[in-house]
Structure formats: structure tokens, C-alpha cells
Amino acid sequence: MSVTDPIADMITRIRNAVMVGKTSVSIPASKMKMDIAKILDYEGFVSSYDVKSETPKDSSIEINLHYWGKKDPGINGLKRISKPGLRIYVNKNEIPKVFGNRGVAVLSTNKGVMTGAEARRQGVGGEVLFYVW
């Protein structure tokens, strides 16, 4: 079965795993999803990620979720912004700040997938993929 929006599928899997208190979630791998997992790990929203690869076609990403206390997740919310039916692009001066810089906007730019703060530093705009806080 093919997925029409793989990024939304990834976000939904992470959101559902956090809501039920899972410690890890497995997601089918792609280059963009690995870049997103790297950003979530670097920003401290997840503990770690690992690429499980039996064959390149069947590879998956195992994301270990981060919890502050016993039940306090590192990810409080995820919101998909740009969708296949309505792409949202911003230039370098319009990059949004999420929850007063307590959250992160993830952008797809011509220099790769990066956070909004990194895109501001490099002076590039792009497609706003999602917000995480």
C-alpha cells in the first residue's frame, strides 16, 4: 500500500506513539525521513534514532522517544503545515517562530532539510514541513 504523504505518516506515527507512552516507533525509511529524524535527535525531542536495514527496499528507522519524567514526553505536539494539496513556502524573512522559539519549524530548503533557526542563519527560505514543540 502506498502512502500519499510520507511525512504526515511519519508525524502521525510519532504522535500516536507519544500519546500511548511507547518508548520507540518504527517508520519506513527514506532520505528525507532520516534527515527529519536527525533534526529531532539534535534538537532533543527524541533520544536517538537508528536505521534498520535488511535490504534497501525494506529499511526502516527506529526512533527512541524521549521522556522527561515518568510520563512527560519530549514532544508535546506535532503539526503538519505544508500538505500535498497546499504547499506552504516562505522566504528567509518570513520563517516562523514556533511558540516563542520554544518549538522548532522544520523546513525543506535547496540546501537540505533544516530547522527554521538554521535556515535564518544561512539566509534561505523553503517549504515549511511541520512544527514540533
Protein backbone atom coordinates (compact mmCIF):
# COMPACT_ATOMS: atom_id res chain seq x y z
CA MET A 1 0.00 0.00 0.00
CA SER A 2 1.43 3.38 -0.96
CA VAL A 3 1.26 6.43 1.24
CA THR A 4 0.37 9.73 -0.43
CA ASP A 5 2.06 11.88 2.23
CA PRO A 6 5.01 10.05 3.83
CA ILE A 7 5.98 12.96 6.10
CA ALA A 8 2.46 13.18 7.54
CA ASP A 9 2.57 9.41 8.05
CA MET A 10 5.85 9.76 9.98
CA ILE A 11 4.48 12.59 12.12
CA THR A 12 1.28 10.64 12.84
CA ARG A 13 3.21 7.54 13.87
CA ILE A 14 5.38 9.57 16.27
CA ARG A 15 2.35 11.47 17.67
CA ASN A 16 0.41 8.23 18.25
CA ALA A 17 3.40 6.53 19.92
CA VAL A 18 3.85 9.50 22.28
CA MET A 19 0.13 9.55 23.14
CA VAL A 20 0.14 5.90 24.26
CA GLY A 21 3.54 6.14 26.01
CA LYS A 22 5.61 3.93 23.71
CA THR A 23 9.39 4.07 24.08
CA SER A 24 10.13 3.63 20.38
CA VAL A 25 8.46 3.74 16.99
CA SER A 26 9.43 2.17 13.66
CA ILE A 27 9.00 4.12 10.41
CA PRO A 28 9.75 3.11 6.80
CA ALA A 29 12.98 4.85 5.78
CA SER A 30 13.69 7.48 3.16
CA LYS A 31 16.38 10.13 2.88
CA MET A 32 14.06 12.95 3.95
CA LYS A 33 12.74 10.96 6.93
CA MET A 34 16.32 10.26 8.04
CA ASP A 35 17.09 13.98 7.83
CA ILE A 36 13.98 14.74 9.89
CA ALA A 37 14.94 12.10 12.49
CA LYS A 38 18.42 13.65 12.67
CA ILE A 39 16.87 17.09 13.36
CA LEU A 40 14.53 15.70 16.04
CA ASP A 41 17.51 13.98 17.70
CA TYR A 42 19.73 17.08 17.53
CA GLU A 43 17.01 19.33 18.97
CA GLY A 44 16.38 16.90 21.86
CA PHE A 45 12.84 15.84 21.00
CA VAL A 46 13.83 12.17 20.68
CA SER A 47 16.53 10.15 22.48
CA SER A 48 18.08 8.57 19.41
CA TYR A 49 17.35 7.00 16.07
CA ASP A 50 18.78 4.03 14.24
CA VAL A 51 18.42 2.90 10.65
CA LYS A 52 17.49 -0.80 10.47
CA SER A 53 18.32 -2.16 7.04
CA GLU A 54 17.82 -5.74 5.90
CA THR A 55 17.59 -4.64 2.27
CA PRO A 56 17.44 -1.09 0.90
CA LYS A 57 13.78 -1.60 -0.04
CA ASP A 58 12.77 -2.79 3.44
CA SER A 59 14.87 -0.39 5.52
CA SER A 60 13.25 1.34 8.48
CA ILE A 61 14.08 3.98 11.06
CA GLU A 62 13.75 3.05 14.73
CA ILE A 63 13.14 6.27 16.72
CA ASN A 64 13.56 6.08 20.51
CA LEU A 65 11.26 8.61 22.11
CA HIS A 66 12.42 10.92 24.88
CA TYR A 67 10.51 11.30 28.18
CA TRP A 68 11.47 13.87 30.85
CA GLY A 69 9.78 12.21 33.78
CA LYS A 70 7.82 9.04 34.02
CA LYS A 71 5.08 10.21 31.64
CA ASP A 72 6.22 13.67 30.44
CA PRO A 73 7.15 13.33 26.73
CA GLY A 74 9.85 15.36 24.99
CA ILE A 75 7.37 16.00 22.16
CA ASN A 76 4.23 17.83 23.27
CA GLY A 77 2.90 18.49 19.80
CA LEU A 78 3.49 17.98 16.09
CA LYS A 79 1.63 19.86 13.36
CA ARG A 80 1.94 19.29 9.62
CA ILE A 81 1.95 22.63 7.77
CA SER A 82 2.67 22.05 4.08
CA LYS A 83 0.49 19.33 2.56
CA PRO A 84 0.40 17.75 -0.90
CA GLY A 85 -2.73 19.75 -1.76
CA LEU A 86 -1.42 23.05 -0.38
CA ARG A 87 2.30 23.71 -0.25
CA ILE A 88 3.43 26.49 2.09
CA TYR A 89 6.63 28.30 1.11
CA VAL A 90 8.36 31.10 3.00
CA ASN A 91 11.29 33.32 2.15
CA LYS A 92 14.17 33.95 4.54
CA ASN A 93 12.39 36.92 6.18
CA GLU A 94 9.12 35.05 6.83
CA ILE A 95 10.43 31.93 8.61
CA PRO A 96 8.01 31.34 11.52
CA LYS A 97 8.99 31.13 15.18
CA VAL A 98 7.13 28.34 16.95
CA PHE A 99 5.84 29.03 20.49
CA GLY A 100 8.21 31.94 21.05
CA ASN A 101 11.27 29.90 19.95
CA ARG A 102 10.43 27.02 22.32
CA GLY A 103 9.41 24.90 19.35
CA VAL A 104 11.03 24.18 16.01
CA ALA A 105 9.86 24.74 12.46
CA VAL A 106 11.31 22.15 10.07
CA LEU A 107 11.90 23.38 6.52
CA SER A 108 12.90 21.76 3.26
CA THR A 109 15.28 24.15 1.51
CA ASN A 110 17.53 23.98 -1.52
CA LYS A 111 20.37 23.25 0.95
CA GLY A 112 18.54 20.30 2.54
CA VAL A 113 16.14 19.74 5.43
CA MET A 114 16.87 22.08 8.35
CA THR A 115 15.32 23.93 11.26
CA GLY A 116 13.91 27.42 10.92
CA ALA A 117 16.75 28.87 13.01
CA GLU A 118 19.37 27.22 10.79
CA ALA A 119 17.59 28.48 7.66
CA ARG A 120 17.61 32.02 9.11
CA ARG A 121 21.36 31.74 9.80
CA GLN A 122 22.06 30.54 6.27
CA GLY A 123 19.71 33.10 4.72
CA VAL A 124 17.49 30.65 2.83
CA GLY A 125 13.76 30.04 2.70
CA GLY A 126 11.83 26.98 1.62
CA GLU A 127 8.84 24.77 2.24
CA VAL A 128 7.60 24.61 5.84
CA LEU A 129 7.14 20.89 6.51
CA PHE A 130 5.92 20.85 10.13
CA TYR A 131 6.16 22.35 13.60
CA VAL A 132 7.27 20.42 16.68
CA TRP A 133 7.14 21.62 20.30
